[in-house]
Amino acid sequence: MSSVNGVDKEQFKPGSVAVVQTAKGQWSNTISVTTGTGASATTIPITGLSTYGLAYFHNLDGDNFISIGPSTTTGTAPYLAVRLKAGETGAMRLEPGVILRASADTAAAKLKVKVLED
């Protein structure tokens, strides 16, 4: 990954990362994220994993950004902490049992999500 911003040039090359799983499960799905905000944001329905591990996200939309964040319970407003612009990907390790919700910018957008069991 590299970025150029004015005179600031930075290259970030962490190399390959090996993920060691205690359990061999995973959950993967492509979901439609609506433009709802607050309590009407789209819940990311992760199921079938006893302990969440590394999660990968890919915004499949060509125009809209998608915001993602945790929510204390299903049906409550999330704290939108991550923004994926059109076509961007991201990864993070999840806290066990976290409820994730997402909101699209100006039109519904597809989000590919893959979560590995820890």
Protein backbone atom coordinates (compact mmCIF):
# COMPACT_ATOMS: atom_id res chain seq x y z
CA MET A 1 0.00 0.00 0.00
CA SER A 2 1.34 3.44 -0.82
CA SER A 3 0.01 6.95 -0.55
CA VAL A 4 1.09 10.29 -1.91
CA ASN A 5 -0.14 13.45 -0.20
CA GLY A 6 1.62 16.64 -1.27
CA VAL A 7 5.28 16.14 -0.36
CA ASP A 8 4.48 13.31 2.10
CA LYS A 9 5.22 9.90 0.58
CA GLU A 10 4.79 6.76 2.58
CA GLN A 11 4.93 3.07 1.75
CA PHE A 12 3.38 0.50 4.05
CA LYS A 13 4.48 -3.05 3.26
CA PRO A 14 3.78 -5.35 6.19
CA GLY A 15 4.34 -8.45 4.05
CA SER A 16 2.17 -11.52 4.32
CA VAL A 17 0.35 -12.26 7.55
CA ALA A 18 -0.25 -15.80 8.77
CA VAL A 19 -3.50 -16.21 10.69
CA VAL A 20 -3.52 -19.06 13.20
CA GLN A 21 -7.01 -20.22 14.17
CA THR A 22 -7.78 -22.20 17.32
CA ALA A 23 -11.09 -23.27 15.73
CA LYS A 24 -11.42 -23.72 11.97
CA GLY A 25 -14.78 -22.01 11.41
CA GLN A 26 -15.65 -19.02 9.27
CA TRP A 27 -18.69 -16.96 8.29
CA SER A 28 -18.92 -15.26 4.90
CA ASN A 29 -21.73 -13.39 3.19
CA THR A 30 -22.52 -10.50 0.86
CA ILE A 31 -25.14 -8.24 2.40
CA SER A 32 -27.15 -5.31 1.12
CA VAL A 33 -26.45 -2.26 3.30
CA THR A 34 -29.18 0.38 3.37
CA THR A 35 -28.83 4.10 3.90
CA GLY A 36 -30.47 3.82 7.31
CA THR A 37 -28.81 5.59 10.19
CA GLY A 38 -29.17 5.21 13.92
CA ALA A 39 -31.33 2.27 14.96
CA SER A 40 -32.23 1.53 11.31
CA ALA A 41 -28.63 0.79 10.25
CA THR A 42 -28.13 -2.68 8.72
CA THR A 43 -27.04 -5.40 11.16
CA ILE A 44 -24.18 -7.60 9.91
CA PRO A 45 -25.63 -11.02 10.89
CA ILE A 46 -22.54 -13.02 11.91
CA THR A 47 -23.68 -16.51 12.97
CA GLY A 48 -22.25 -19.93 13.77
CA LEU A 49 -18.96 -18.82 15.34
CA SER A 50 -18.14 -19.34 19.00
CA THR A 51 -15.39 -16.69 19.09
CA TYR A 52 -14.94 -14.00 16.44
CA GLY A 53 -11.47 -13.53 15.02
CA LEU A 54 -10.15 -11.65 12.01
CA ALA A 55 -12.79 -9.95 9.84
CA TYR A 56 -12.42 -8.81 6.23
CA PHE A 57 -14.70 -6.24 4.58
CA HIS A 58 -15.02 -5.28 0.89
CA ASN A 59 -17.29 -2.49 -0.34
CA LEU A 60 -18.55 -3.82 -3.68
CA ASP A 61 -20.27 -0.55 -4.65
CA GLY A 62 -18.74 1.71 -7.31
CA ASP A 63 -20.10 5.01 -5.96
CA ASN A 64 -21.05 4.94 -2.27
CA PHE A 65 -19.05 4.63 0.91
CA ILE A 66 -20.16 2.27 3.70
CA SER A 67 -19.70 3.07 7.39
CA ILE A 68 -19.32 0.21 9.89
CA GLY A 69 -19.31 0.17 13.66
CA PRO A 70 -20.33 -1.63 16.85
CA SER A 71 -23.73 -1.48 18.48
CA THR A 72 -24.50 -2.41 22.09
CA THR A 73 -27.53 -4.50 21.10
CA THR A 74 -29.41 -5.34 17.92
CA GLY A 75 -31.75 -2.48 17.08
CA THR A 76 -29.74 0.30 18.69
CA ALA A 77 -27.73 2.98 16.93
CA PRO A 78 -24.15 1.95 16.13
CA TYR A 79 -21.03 3.99 16.69
CA LEU A 80 -19.90 4.24 13.05
CA ALA A 81 -16.12 4.05 13.35
CA VAL A 82 -14.90 2.66 10.01
CA ARG A 83 -15.54 4.05 6.52
CA LEU A 84 -14.88 2.06 3.36
CA LYS A 85 -14.98 4.19 0.23
CA ALA A 86 -16.30 2.69 -3.02
CA GLY A 87 -14.27 -0.43 -3.87
CA GLU A 88 -12.13 -0.34 -0.72
CA THR A 89 -11.31 -3.26 1.54
CA GLY A 90 -10.35 -3.43 5.19
CA ALA A 91 -9.59 -5.94 7.93
CA MET A 92 -9.66 -5.96 11.71
CA ARG A 93 -9.77 -8.42 14.58
CA LEU A 94 -13.17 -8.39 16.29
CA GLU A 95 -13.94 -8.48 19.98
CA PRO A 96 -15.85 -11.65 20.92
CA GLY A 97 -19.60 -11.30 20.41
CA VAL A 98 -19.55 -7.73 19.08
CA ILE A 99 -22.66 -6.65 17.15
CA LEU A 100 -21.68 -4.83 13.94
CA ARG A 101 -23.98 -2.54 11.98
CA ALA A 102 -23.43 -0.71 8.71
CA SER A 103 -24.88 2.23 6.80
CA ALA A 104 -24.45 3.16 3.13
CA ASP A 105 -23.97 6.75 1.96
CA THR A 106 -26.66 7.79 -0.54
CA ALA A 107 -27.94 4.48 -1.97
CA ALA A 108 -28.00 0.83 -0.91
CA ALA A 109 -24.64 -0.87 -1.41
CA LYS A 110 -23.28 -4.43 -1.31
CA LEU A 111 -20.75 -5.35 1.40
CA LYS A 112 -18.77 -8.61 1.31
CA VAL A 113 -17.89 -9.77 4.82
CA LYS A 114 -15.75 -12.72 5.92
CA VAL A 115 -15.09 -13.48 9.60
CA LEU A 116 -12.67 -16.19 10.71
CA GLU A 117 -13.19 -17.97 14.01
CA ASP A 118 -10.44 -17.11 16.47
